[in-house]
C-alpha cells in the first residue's frame, strides 16, 4: 500500500475536529458551513479536506450514517490529512505528530486536535482501513501516536498494528496492544482487587444468555461474580450513555432487551456512589506519561452523570465544586488517589489515558471507564468556567512535553 495525499492544489486547509466541535458546542449553526463544504467539493472533486470537514460537521449534527458515507468519499481521495501547527515556531519547523486513525464516527479515534491547540505541533492523520494492507513506510514524522480507540471494529486492526510496529522500527505513543486492554471487561479484570481501587464487576454476554437470566433460567452469579440486583447494561461499543440503563429486576432486564437493539451487551454491577448530600459526582482524570491531571467534574442528582447533561452551566454551586476539584487537584483529589492512579498507569502501560471515576464512601477510587480516546477540551466559555482553561493548558503542556521526550529518543 502506498500512502498518498490528495493532489496538490491551492485549497483551503482542514479545519478539523477541535474547531468544528467548539463551534457546535457554543451553539453555532453548522448548516451554512456544511453547505460551503458541499460547494467546495462540488467545485473540486479532489478537495478531500472539504469532504472530511463535512463529515465531521455531519457527525456533530447527529447525522451519523451520512457522515460515515461522506468520510468514505473523502478517504477515496486521500488517506492523509494535516492540521498545521496553531503556533508555529519563529525559527525551525513544527514538531511533526503522525496519528494512526481508522474510519468511523467521533468516538473512533483519540481527539488529538484538542491537545494540539495553542502549540507548535503539526498533526498529520493517516487513516488505515481495516482489511487493507498496512503501508510499508510511514510519512515523515517526529512522533507516532496510535490514535485508534478500542472497539469491536478496531480490535483486528490494533492487533495488526502491534505486529507492524517492529517492521516499521518505531515505538509509538500508546502501543496498540495496551489499547486493546482498555475494553470494559478487560479493564475490570486488570483493576479489580487492587488496593485503593474499586471497579464494578463487568462482563460481556450475548443476548440469549441475558434472556435466560431475565427468565430465571441462569443464576446471576454465573454471569457476573459477586453481583446483585440492580445491574447496569449497555450494548457493546455504546458510549455517552446511549442505551445505558439500570435494571432493578429480571423483569426490567427483559423489558430492556425487548426494546434495545444489539446482540452483545456489557453487564456490570451497579454501585451507589452518591455523596452524603445525595449528589453523584463523576470525575475525569488524565494521565500523561504517568502524571495525573484534572479533566472535569460533573455533579448530578442522577446516577448516570454526563457532563453535558449535568447542568453545570445552570448551577454556580456545581461550578464552584468543579473549580475546587480542578484548582486544588494536586493537593486534593490527585493526592488522595495518587497511589491508585499510579497503579492504573502502571497496569495499562499507556503513555496517555483518560479515566472516568468517582469516590466510594470508604475513600477508594471508583473506576467506570479507561479510554485513551475520551475528549479533554477547553470549549467551555471562559467567563463562566475561568478555572478550566488554566487546567487544560496544563494538560496540553504535559502533552507537548511527552511529545518532546519521544522525539528526542
Protein backbone atom coordinates (compact mmCIF):
# COMPACT_ATOMS: atom_id res chain seq x y z
CA UNK A 1 0.00 0.00 0.00
CA UNK A 2 1.29 3.45 -0.89
CA UNK A 3 0.18 6.42 1.16
CA UNK A 4 -0.68 9.41 -0.99
CA UNK A 5 -2.15 12.77 -0.20
CA UNK A 6 -4.73 14.38 -2.42
CA UNK A 7 -3.33 16.23 -5.49
CA UNK A 8 -1.56 19.44 -4.65
CA UNK A 9 -3.83 22.42 -5.26
CA UNK A 10 -4.41 25.83 -3.65
CA UNK A 11 -7.26 24.63 -1.45
CA UNK A 12 -8.43 25.75 1.94
CA UNK A 13 -6.78 23.86 4.82
CA UNK A 14 -8.57 21.36 7.00
CA UNK A 15 -10.50 23.00 9.87
CA UNK A 16 -10.53 19.83 11.92
CA UNK A 17 -12.43 18.40 14.85
CA UNK A 18 -11.49 20.92 17.55
CA UNK A 19 -12.56 23.95 15.52
CA UNK A 20 -15.84 22.43 14.35
CA UNK A 21 -16.80 20.85 17.66
CA UNK A 22 -16.09 24.08 19.53
CA UNK A 23 -18.41 25.96 17.18
CA UNK A 24 -21.13 23.36 17.67
CA UNK A 25 -20.60 23.30 21.44
CA UNK A 26 -21.09 27.06 21.60
CA UNK A 27 -24.32 26.93 19.65
CA UNK A 28 -23.18 27.86 16.16
CA UNK A 29 -25.45 26.58 13.40
CA UNK A 30 -23.16 24.34 11.35
CA UNK A 31 -25.52 24.06 8.39
CA UNK A 32 -24.18 27.10 6.48
CA UNK A 33 -20.62 25.88 6.99
CA UNK A 34 -21.59 22.37 5.87
CA UNK A 35 -23.15 23.87 2.75
CA UNK A 36 -19.88 25.66 1.99
CA UNK A 37 -18.03 22.33 2.22
CA UNK A 38 -20.55 20.78 -0.18
CA UNK A 39 -20.00 23.62 -2.65
CA UNK A 40 -16.22 23.27 -2.41
CA UNK A 41 -16.38 19.52 -3.01
CA UNK A 42 -18.74 20.08 -5.92
CA UNK A 43 -16.31 22.53 -7.50
CA UNK A 44 -13.26 20.29 -6.93
CA UNK A 45 -13.71 16.54 -6.65
CA UNK A 46 -10.19 16.29 -5.21
CA UNK A 47 -10.97 18.58 -2.25
CA UNK A 48 -10.62 15.85 0.37
CA UNK A 49 -10.33 18.41 3.17
CA UNK A 50 -13.78 19.79 2.36
CA UNK A 51 -15.24 16.29 2.41
CA UNK A 52 -13.53 15.36 5.67
CA UNK A 53 -14.66 18.57 7.38
CA UNK A 54 -18.15 17.98 6.00
CA UNK A 55 -18.23 14.50 7.52
CA UNK A 56 -17.23 15.95 10.90
CA UNK A 57 -19.93 18.61 10.65
CA UNK A 58 -22.49 15.93 9.84
CA UNK A 59 -21.44 13.83 12.85
CA UNK A 60 -21.80 16.89 15.07
CA UNK A 61 -25.35 17.37 13.78
CA UNK A 62 -26.23 13.78 14.69
CA UNK A 63 -26.24 12.58 11.06
CA UNK A 64 -24.01 9.56 11.64
CA UNK A 65 -24.77 7.45 8.57
CA UNK A 66 -24.47 10.38 6.16
CA UNK A 67 -21.27 11.40 7.95
CA UNK A 68 -19.78 7.93 7.50
CA UNK A 69 -20.67 7.92 3.80
CA UNK A 70 -19.10 11.35 3.33
CA UNK A 71 -15.99 10.30 5.22
CA UNK A 72 -15.67 7.22 2.98
CA UNK A 73 -15.86 9.53 -0.03
CA UNK A 74 -13.08 11.69 1.43
CA UNK A 75 -10.89 8.63 2.04
CA UNK A 76 -11.26 7.61 -1.59
CA UNK A 77 -9.49 10.86 -2.45
CA UNK A 78 -6.87 10.84 0.30
CA UNK A 79 -5.90 8.86 3.41
CA UNK A 80 -3.70 11.65 4.75
CA UNK A 81 -4.89 14.88 6.41
CA UNK A 82 -2.86 17.63 8.01
CA UNK A 83 -3.64 20.28 10.61
CA UNK A 84 -1.00 22.98 10.56
CA UNK A 85 0.62 23.94 13.85
CA UNK A 86 -1.60 26.54 15.58
CA UNK A 87 1.50 28.43 16.78
CA UNK A 88 4.43 27.56 14.51
CA UNK A 89 7.87 28.36 15.88
CA UNK A 90 9.59 31.56 14.79
CA UNK A 91 12.62 29.50 13.75
CA UNK A 92 12.86 25.91 12.63
CA UNK A 93 9.93 23.65 11.85
CA UNK A 94 6.97 22.48 13.94
CA UNK A 95 7.04 19.21 15.84
CA UNK A 96 5.51 16.66 13.48
CA UNK A 97 2.98 14.30 15.12
CA UNK A 98 1.67 11.46 12.97
CA UNK A 99 -1.57 9.88 14.25
CA UNK A 100 -2.73 6.48 13.04
CA UNK A 101 -6.52 6.51 12.74
CA UNK A 102 -9.31 4.40 11.28
CA UNK A 103 -12.59 5.35 9.61
CA UNK A 104 -15.52 5.87 11.94
CA UNK A 105 -17.55 8.38 13.89
CA UNK A 106 -16.29 10.85 16.50
CA UNK A 107 -15.79 8.10 19.11
CA UNK A 108 -13.44 6.04 16.93
CA UNK A 109 -10.16 7.92 17.35
CA UNK A 110 -8.49 9.98 20.05
CA UNK A 111 -9.42 13.66 19.53
CA UNK A 112 -5.82 14.84 19.29
CA UNK A 113 -6.64 18.22 17.68
CA UNK A 114 -7.82 19.43 21.11
CA UNK A 115 -4.43 18.59 22.63
CA UNK A 116 -2.57 20.39 19.85
CA UNK A 117 -4.39 23.71 20.40
CA UNK A 118 -2.07 26.63 21.11
CA UNK A 119 1.06 24.61 20.33
CA UNK A 120 3.75 24.21 17.70
CA UNK A 121 2.57 20.69 16.89
CA UNK A 122 1.72 19.87 13.29
CA UNK A 123 -0.77 16.99 13.33
CA UNK A 124 -0.90 14.61 10.39
CA UNK A 125 -3.67 11.98 10.45
CA UNK A 126 -3.21 8.79 8.47
CA UNK A 127 -6.39 6.72 8.06
CA UNK A 128 -5.93 2.97 7.90
CA UNK A 129 -8.85 0.98 6.54
CA UNK A 130 -9.46 -2.41 8.22
CA UNK A 131 -8.91 -5.28 5.83
CA UNK A 132 -6.47 -3.39 3.63
CA UNK A 133 -2.67 -3.91 3.70
CA UNK A 134 -0.81 -1.62 6.07
CA UNK A 135 1.62 0.82 4.44
CA UNK A 136 5.19 -0.37 4.04
CA UNK A 137 6.51 3.03 5.09
CA UNK A 138 5.09 5.94 7.05
CA UNK A 139 5.01 9.65 6.21
CA UNK A 140 7.79 11.73 7.75
CA UNK A 141 7.20 12.40 11.44
CA UNK A 142 8.90 13.09 14.76
CA UNK A 143 6.44 11.15 16.93
CA UNK A 144 3.98 8.40 16.07
CA UNK A 145 0.72 8.08 18.05
CA UNK A 146 -1.74 5.21 17.91
CA UNK A 147 -4.99 7.18 17.97
CA UNK A 148 -7.39 4.29 17.31
CA UNK A 149 -9.59 3.58 20.35
CA UNK A 150 -10.57 0.08 21.41
CA UNK A 151 -13.84 -1.22 19.96
CA UNK A 152 -15.17 -4.41 18.41
CA UNK A 153 -14.49 -2.89 14.99
CA UNK A 154 -10.91 -1.86 15.79
CA UNK A 155 -9.53 -4.90 17.60
CA UNK A 156 -8.24 -6.68 14.49
CA UNK A 157 -6.57 -3.52 13.18
CA UNK A 158 -4.96 -2.81 16.57
CA UNK A 159 -3.58 -6.35 16.68
CA UNK A 160 -2.15 -5.97 13.18
CA UNK A 161 -0.66 -2.60 14.08
CA UNK A 162 1.05 -4.04 17.12
CA UNK A 163 2.83 -6.59 14.95
CA UNK A 164 3.65 -3.96 12.34
CA UNK A 165 5.43 -1.57 14.72
CA UNK A 166 8.56 -3.71 14.79
CA UNK A 167 8.66 -3.81 10.99
CA UNK A 168 8.34 -0.05 10.87
CA UNK A 169 11.03 0.19 13.55
CA UNK A 170 9.06 2.66 15.67
CA UNK A 171 7.85 2.86 19.26
CA UNK A 172 4.54 4.72 19.21
CA UNK A 173 2.90 6.73 21.92
CA UNK A 174 0.20 4.33 23.18
CA UNK A 175 1.10 0.86 21.99
CA UNK A 176 -1.77 -0.90 20.19
CA UNK A 177 -1.57 -3.96 22.45
CA UNK A 178 -2.04 -1.75 25.51
CA UNK A 179 -5.05 -0.02 23.94
CA UNK A 180 -6.66 -3.42 23.46
CA UNK A 181 -6.66 -3.93 27.23
CA UNK A 182 -8.92 -0.90 27.80
CA UNK A 183 -12.17 -2.73 26.93
CA UNK A 184 -14.61 -2.60 29.84
CA UNK A 185 -14.34 -6.27 30.75
CA UNK A 186 -10.55 -6.46 30.40
CA UNK A 187 -10.15 -3.25 32.40
CA UNK A 188 -12.17 -4.78 35.24
CA UNK A 189 -10.09 -7.94 35.15
CA UNK A 190 -6.95 -5.83 35.45
CA UNK A 191 -8.10 -3.44 38.16
CA UNK A 192 -10.43 -5.31 40.48
CA UNK A 193 -8.93 -6.16 43.81
CA UNK A 194 -6.09 -3.64 43.62
CA UNK A 195 -5.55 -1.59 46.80
CA UNK A 196 -7.31 1.77 46.81
CA UNK A 197 -9.34 0.89 43.70
CA UNK A 198 -12.87 -0.27 43.02
CA UNK A 199 -14.42 -1.10 39.66
CA UNK A 200 -17.86 -2.62 39.14
CA UNK A 201 -17.66 -6.25 38.02
CA UNK A 202 -18.14 -6.21 34.25
CA UNK A 203 -18.66 -8.99 31.71
CA UNK A 204 -19.68 -9.28 28.08
CA UNK A 205 -22.64 -11.54 27.27
CA UNK A 206 -24.78 -12.42 24.29
CA UNK A 207 -28.46 -11.56 24.15
CA UNK A 208 -29.58 -15.17 24.54
CA UNK A 209 -27.65 -15.61 27.79
CA UNK A 210 -29.11 -12.42 29.22
CA UNK A 211 -32.59 -13.51 28.16
CA UNK A 212 -32.08 -16.67 30.21
CA UNK A 213 -31.05 -14.53 33.18
CA UNK A 214 -34.18 -12.42 32.77
CA UNK A 215 -36.34 -15.57 32.66
CA UNK A 216 -34.75 -17.04 35.78
CA UNK A 217 -33.03 -19.84 33.88
CA UNK A 218 -29.49 -18.72 34.81
CA UNK A 219 -28.23 -17.59 38.23
CA UNK A 220 -26.75 -14.09 38.21
CA UNK A 221 -23.57 -15.35 39.87
CA UNK A 222 -22.72 -17.44 36.81
CA UNK A 223 -22.67 -14.32 34.64
CA UNK A 224 -21.24 -11.72 36.97
CA UNK A 225 -19.19 -12.62 40.05
CA UNK A 226 -20.32 -11.28 43.43
CA UNK A 227 -23.15 -9.31 41.78
CA UNK A 228 -26.62 -8.45 42.98
CA UNK A 229 -29.52 -6.51 41.53
CA UNK A 230 -29.70 -3.74 40.35
CA UNK A 231 -27.41 -4.06 37.35
CA UNK A 232 -26.11 -1.76 34.62
CA UNK A 233 -26.48 -2.85 31.00
CA UNK A 234 -25.35 -1.32 27.71
CA UNK A 235 -24.72 -2.61 24.17
CA UNK A 236 -21.17 -3.39 23.12
CA UNK A 237 -19.38 -0.20 21.98
CA UNK A 238 -22.09 2.05 23.40
CA UNK A 239 -20.76 5.41 24.63
CA UNK A 240 -22.04 8.66 26.13
CA UNK A 241 -24.94 6.92 27.85
CA UNK A 242 -26.54 5.66 24.64
CA UNK A 243 -28.85 2.73 25.56
CA UNK A 244 -27.26 2.61 29.02
CA UNK A 245 -29.76 1.69 31.72
CA UNK A 246 -30.02 0.50 35.30
CA UNK A 247 -32.24 -2.58 35.58
CA UNK A 248 -33.54 -3.35 39.05
CA UNK A 249 -35.19 -6.72 38.42
CA UNK A 250 -35.20 -9.61 35.93
CA UNK A 251 -38.46 -8.22 34.53
CA UNK A 252 -36.78 -4.86 33.89
CA UNK A 253 -33.94 -6.67 32.12
CA UNK A 254 -36.44 -8.49 29.91
CA UNK A 255 -38.12 -5.19 29.01
CA UNK A 256 -34.73 -3.62 28.20
CA UNK A 257 -33.76 -6.48 25.89
CA UNK A 258 -37.08 -6.26 24.09
CA UNK A 259 -36.67 -2.52 23.49
CA UNK A 260 -32.94 -2.37 22.67
CA UNK A 261 -31.11 -3.47 19.54
CA UNK A 262 -27.86 -5.41 19.69
CA UNK A 263 -26.66 -8.96 20.15
CA UNK A 264 -23.87 -8.45 22.70
CA UNK A 265 -24.08 -6.38 25.89
CA UNK A 266 -21.90 -5.35 28.79
CA UNK A 267 -23.39 -6.27 32.15
CA UNK A 268 -21.98 -4.72 35.30
CA UNK A 269 -22.76 -4.24 38.96
CA UNK A 270 -24.42 -1.00 39.98
CA UNK A 271 -22.52 0.92 42.64
CA UNK A 272 -24.38 3.64 44.50
CA UNK A 273 -21.69 6.29 44.66
CA UNK A 274 -23.76 9.28 45.74
CA UNK A 275 -22.28 11.55 48.38
CA UNK A 276 -23.68 12.45 51.77
CA UNK A 277 -25.67 15.26 50.12
CA UNK A 278 -27.36 12.83 47.71
CA UNK A 279 -25.43 14.07 44.68
CA UNK A 280 -23.43 11.90 42.29
CA UNK A 281 -20.00 13.17 41.24
CA UNK A 282 -18.12 11.81 38.25
CA UNK A 283 -14.54 12.94 37.73
CA UNK A 284 -12.45 12.87 34.58
CA UNK A 285 -8.73 12.44 35.20
CA UNK A 286 -6.00 12.47 32.55
CA UNK A 287 -2.75 10.52 32.86
CA UNK A 288 0.04 11.95 30.71
CA UNK A 289 3.25 9.96 30.91
CA UNK A 290 2.20 8.79 34.38
CA UNK A 291 1.31 12.23 35.75
CA UNK A 292 -2.31 12.87 36.71
CA UNK A 293 -4.28 15.99 35.77
CA UNK A 294 -7.85 17.15 36.33
CA UNK A 295 -10.13 16.90 33.30
CA UNK A 296 -13.54 17.91 34.64
CA UNK A 297 -16.16 17.16 37.31
CA UNK A 298 -19.84 16.58 36.64
CA UNK A 299 -22.31 16.83 39.54
CA UNK A 300 -25.84 15.46 39.21
CA UNK A 301 -28.77 14.10 41.20
CA UNK A 302 -28.96 11.22 38.67
CA UNK A 303 -26.61 8.23 38.83
CA UNK A 304 -25.78 8.45 35.11
CA UNK A 305 -23.63 11.56 35.05
CA UNK A 306 -22.59 13.02 31.73
CA UNK A 307 -21.00 16.42 31.77
CA UNK A 308 -23.26 17.85 29.09
CA UNK A 309 -26.46 16.92 30.93
CA UNK A 310 -25.28 17.55 34.47
CA UNK A 311 -26.49 21.16 34.44
CA UNK A 312 -23.08 22.65 35.13
CA UNK A 313 -23.91 25.87 33.27
CA UNK A 314 -27.09 26.29 35.32
CA UNK A 315 -25.57 25.97 38.78
CA UNK A 316 -23.00 28.27 40.32
CA UNK A 317 -22.59 25.81 43.20
CA UNK A 318 -21.72 22.93 40.84
CA UNK A 319 -19.16 25.10 39.09
CA UNK A 320 -17.72 26.04 42.49
CA UNK A 321 -17.27 22.34 43.26
CA UNK A 322 -15.63 21.72 39.90
CA UNK A 323 -13.34 24.71 40.42
CA UNK A 324 -12.24 23.32 43.79
CA UNK A 325 -11.55 19.94 42.20
CA UNK A 326 -9.54 21.39 39.32
CA UNK A 327 -7.59 24.15 41.05
CA UNK A 328 -6.87 22.03 44.10
CA UNK A 329 -6.27 18.76 42.26
CA UNK A 330 -2.62 18.24 43.19
CA UNK A 331 -3.21 18.66 46.92
CA UNK A 332 -6.76 17.26 46.92
CA UNK A 333 -8.22 14.55 44.70
CA UNK A 334 -4.92 13.82 42.98
CA UNK A 335 -3.09 13.42 46.29
CA UNK A 336 -5.85 11.26 47.84
CA UNK A 337 -5.74 8.83 44.94
CA UNK A 338 -2.12 9.14 43.85
CA UNK A 339 -1.30 5.50 44.58
CA UNK A 340 -4.45 4.22 42.87
CA UNK A 341 -3.85 6.38 39.80
CA UNK A 342 -0.26 5.18 39.72
CA UNK A 343 -1.45 1.57 39.74
CA UNK A 344 -3.77 2.29 36.82
CA UNK A 345 -0.96 3.90 34.84
CA UNK A 346 1.43 1.05 35.54
CA UNK A 347 -1.18 -1.61 34.84
CA UNK A 348 -2.19 -0.40 31.40
CA UNK A 349 1.22 0.86 30.31
CA UNK A 350 -0.26 3.66 28.22
CA UNK A 351 1.52 6.97 27.77
CA UNK A 352 -1.81 8.82 27.61
CA UNK A 353 -5.01 7.64 29.27
CA UNK A 354 -8.30 9.23 30.35
CA UNK A 355 -10.13 7.85 33.39
CA UNK A 356 -13.77 8.42 34.33
CA UNK A 357 -14.16 7.77 38.01
CA UNK A 358 -15.77 8.64 41.35
CA UNK A 359 -15.07 8.13 45.05
CA UNK A 360 -16.63 5.41 47.17
CA UNK A 361 -17.92 6.07 50.68
CA UNK A 362 -14.86 4.27 52.09
CA UNK A 363 -12.46 6.50 50.15
CA UNK A 364 -11.47 4.29 47.23
CA UNK A 365 -11.20 5.42 43.62
CA UNK A 366 -14.24 4.02 41.79
CA UNK A 367 -13.33 3.49 38.12
CA UNK A 368 -16.06 3.46 35.49
CA UNK A 369 -14.02 3.51 32.30
CA UNK A 370 -10.49 3.95 30.97
CA UNK A 371 -10.18 5.26 27.43
CA UNK A 372 -7.24 6.90 25.63
CA UNK A 373 -9.77 8.38 23.19
CA UNK A 374 -12.00 10.33 25.59
CA UNK A 375 -12.20 14.04 24.85
CA UNK A 376 -10.37 16.56 27.02
CA UNK A 377 -11.07 20.13 26.00
CA UNK A 378 -11.45 23.80 26.89
CA UNK A 379 -14.55 24.55 24.81
CA UNK A 380 -16.46 25.93 27.79
CA UNK A 381 -16.82 29.75 27.85
CA UNK A 382 -14.01 31.24 29.89
CA UNK A 383 -16.23 33.85 31.53
CA UNK A 384 -18.34 31.07 33.11
CA UNK A 385 -15.57 28.49 33.64
CA UNK A 386 -12.45 30.61 34.32
CA UNK A 387 -10.78 27.78 36.25
CA UNK A 388 -10.99 25.27 33.42
CA UNK A 389 -8.78 26.94 30.84
CA UNK A 390 -5.63 27.04 33.03
CA UNK A 391 -6.19 23.37 33.91
CA UNK A 392 -6.49 22.43 30.25
CA UNK A 393 -3.33 24.38 29.44
CA UNK A 394 -1.53 22.19 31.98
CA UNK A 395 -2.76 19.08 30.17
CA UNK A 396 -1.67 20.45 26.80
CA UNK A 397 1.74 21.41 28.19
CA UNK A 398 2.17 17.88 29.55
CA UNK A 399 1.11 16.51 26.16
CA UNK A 400 3.71 18.69 24.43
CA UNK A 401 6.34 17.57 26.93
CA UNK A 402 5.53 13.92 26.24
CA UNK A 403 5.97 14.52 22.52
CA UNK A 404 9.27 16.32 23.06
CA UNK A 405 10.65 13.44 25.13
CA UNK A 406 9.59 10.93 22.50
CA UNK A 407 11.02 12.99 19.67
CA UNK A 408 14.36 13.17 21.46
CA UNK A 409 14.71 9.39 21.69
